[in-house]
Amino acid sequence: MRKLLAEFLGTFILVFAGTGAIISNDVSGGAVTHPGIALTFGLVVMSMI
């Protein structure tokens, strides 16, 4: 059960933060940029590990 919860939480945060960065980039007219989006995904993965 604990592994399932950890998997769910990690996936949820990765999808939530990643798509949030993409939407923020779109709404702000490109202020986040592609490296910022990639950095968001990388930092989420790093913090989950």
N, C-alpha and C. Protein backbone atom coordinates (compact mmCIF):
# COMPACT_ATOMS: atom_id res chain seq x y z
N MET A 1 0.82 -1.19 0.00
CA MET A 1 0.00 0.00 0.00
C MET A 1 0.87 1.26 0.00
N ARG A 2 1.98 1.20 0.73
CA ARG A 2 2.85 2.37 0.84
C ARG A 2 3.51 2.69 -0.51
N LYS A 3 3.90 1.64 -1.25
CA LYS A 3 4.50 1.84 -2.57
C LYS A 3 3.49 2.45 -3.54
N LEU A 4 2.27 2.01 -3.45
CA LEU A 4 1.22 2.53 -4.31
C LEU A 4 0.97 4.01 -4.04
N LEU A 5 0.93 4.39 -2.78
CA LEU A 5 0.74 5.79 -2.42
C LEU A 5 1.91 6.64 -2.89
N ALA A 6 3.13 6.14 -2.74
CA ALA A 6 4.31 6.88 -3.19
C ALA A 6 4.30 7.06 -4.70
N GLU A 7 3.92 6.04 -5.42
CA GLU A 7 3.84 6.12 -6.89
C GLU A 7 2.78 7.13 -7.32
N PHE A 8 1.63 7.07 -6.69
CA PHE A 8 0.56 8.00 -7.02
C PHE A 8 0.96 9.44 -6.72
N LEU A 9 1.53 9.67 -5.56
CA LEU A 9 1.92 11.02 -5.18
C LEU A 9 3.00 11.58 -6.10
N GLY A 10 3.99 10.77 -6.42
CA GLY A 10 5.05 11.22 -7.31
C GLY A 10 4.54 11.56 -8.70
N THR A 11 3.68 10.71 -9.24
CA THR A 11 3.11 10.96 -10.55
C THR A 11 2.22 12.18 -10.54
N PHE A 12 1.41 12.34 -9.50
CA PHE A 12 0.53 13.50 -9.40
C PHE A 12 1.33 14.80 -9.37
N ILE A 13 2.37 14.85 -8.56
CA ILE A 13 3.17 16.07 -8.46
C ILE A 13 3.90 16.35 -9.76
N LEU A 14 4.42 15.32 -10.41
CA LEU A 14 5.12 15.50 -11.68
C LEU A 14 4.18 16.06 -12.74
N VAL A 15 3.00 15.50 -12.87
CA VAL A 15 2.04 15.97 -13.86
C VAL A 15 1.53 17.36 -13.49
N PHE A 16 1.23 17.58 -12.22
CA PHE A 16 0.69 18.87 -11.78
C PHE A 16 1.70 20.00 -12.00
N ALA A 17 2.94 19.81 -11.58
CA ALA A 17 3.96 20.86 -11.72
C ALA A 17 4.38 21.04 -13.17
N GLY A 18 4.51 19.94 -13.90
CA GLY A 18 4.93 20.03 -15.30
C GLY A 18 3.92 20.74 -16.16
N THR A 19 2.66 20.34 -16.05
CA THR A 19 1.63 21.01 -16.84
C THR A 19 1.39 22.43 -16.35
N GLY A 20 1.60 22.66 -15.07
CA GLY A 20 1.49 24.02 -14.54
C GLY A 20 2.54 24.94 -15.15
N ALA A 21 3.75 24.44 -15.33
CA ALA A 21 4.80 25.23 -15.95
C ALA A 21 4.48 25.51 -17.42
N ILE A 22 3.92 24.52 -18.10
CA ILE A 22 3.55 24.71 -19.51
C ILE A 22 2.42 25.73 -19.64
N ILE A 23 1.42 25.63 -18.79
CA ILE A 23 0.31 26.58 -18.83
C ILE A 23 0.78 27.98 -18.46
N SER A 24 1.66 28.10 -17.46
CA SER A 24 2.21 29.40 -17.08
C SER A 24 2.99 30.02 -18.23
N ASN A 25 3.71 29.20 -18.95
CA ASN A 25 4.46 29.68 -20.11
C ASN A 25 3.50 30.20 -21.18
N ASP A 26 2.41 29.50 -21.41
CA ASP A 26 1.45 29.91 -22.42
C ASP A 26 0.72 31.19 -22.03
N VAL A 27 0.29 31.27 -20.77
CA VAL A 27 -0.46 32.43 -20.31
C VAL A 27 0.42 33.69 -20.27
N SER A 28 1.67 33.53 -19.90
CA SER A 28 2.56 34.68 -19.76
C SER A 28 3.21 35.09 -21.08
N GLY A 29 2.89 34.40 -22.14
CA GLY A 29 3.44 34.77 -23.43
C GLY A 29 4.87 34.30 -23.64
N GLY A 30 5.26 33.25 -22.99
CA GLY A 30 6.59 32.68 -23.19
C GLY A 30 7.63 33.11 -22.17
N ALA A 31 7.20 33.55 -20.99
CA ALA A 31 8.14 34.03 -19.97
C ALA A 31 8.90 32.89 -19.31
N VAL A 32 8.33 31.70 -19.27
CA VAL A 32 8.98 30.57 -18.59
C VAL A 32 10.04 29.94 -19.49
N THR A 33 9.81 29.85 -20.76
CA THR A 33 10.67 29.29 -21.80
C THR A 33 10.86 27.78 -21.65
N HIS A 34 11.39 27.19 -22.70
CA HIS A 34 11.58 25.73 -22.74
C HIS A 34 12.55 25.25 -21.66
N PRO A 35 13.70 25.92 -21.45
CA PRO A 35 14.58 25.47 -20.36
C PRO A 35 13.93 25.55 -18.98
N GLY A 36 13.06 26.51 -18.77
CA GLY A 36 12.35 26.62 -17.50
C GLY A 36 11.40 25.46 -17.27
N ILE A 37 10.73 25.04 -18.33
CA ILE A 37 9.83 23.90 -18.24
C ILE A 37 10.63 22.63 -17.97
N ALA A 38 11.74 22.46 -18.68
CA ALA A 38 12.59 21.29 -18.46
C ALA A 38 13.16 21.29 -17.05
N LEU A 39 13.53 22.46 -16.56
CA LEU A 39 14.05 22.57 -15.19
C LEU A 39 12.98 22.19 -14.17
N THR A 40 11.75 22.57 -14.43
CA THR A 40 10.65 22.21 -13.54
C THR A 40 10.50 20.70 -13.44
N PHE A 41 10.48 20.03 -14.61
CA PHE A 41 10.37 18.57 -14.60
C PHE A 41 11.57 17.95 -13.89
N GLY A 42 12.75 18.45 -14.15
CA GLY A 42 13.96 17.89 -13.52
C GLY A 42 13.97 18.08 -12.01
N LEU A 43 13.56 19.24 -11.55
CA LEU A 43 13.55 19.49 -10.11
C LEU A 43 12.50 18.64 -9.39
N VAL A 44 11.38 18.42 -10.05
CA VAL A 44 10.35 17.56 -9.45
C VAL A 44 10.88 16.13 -9.32
N VAL A 45 11.50 15.62 -10.37
CA VAL A 45 12.05 14.27 -10.30
C VAL A 45 13.13 14.18 -9.24
N MET A 46 14.01 15.20 -9.18
CA MET A 46 15.07 15.21 -8.19
C MET A 46 14.51 15.24 -6.76
N SER A 47 13.49 16.02 -6.54
CA SER A 47 12.93 16.09 -5.18
C SER A 47 12.18 14.82 -4.81
N MET A 48 11.59 14.15 -5.79
CA MET A 48 10.89 12.89 -5.50
C MET A 48 11.87 11.75 -5.20
N ILE A 49 13.04 11.80 -5.80
CA ILE A 49 14.03 10.77 -5.52
C ILE A 49 14.57 10.96 -4.12
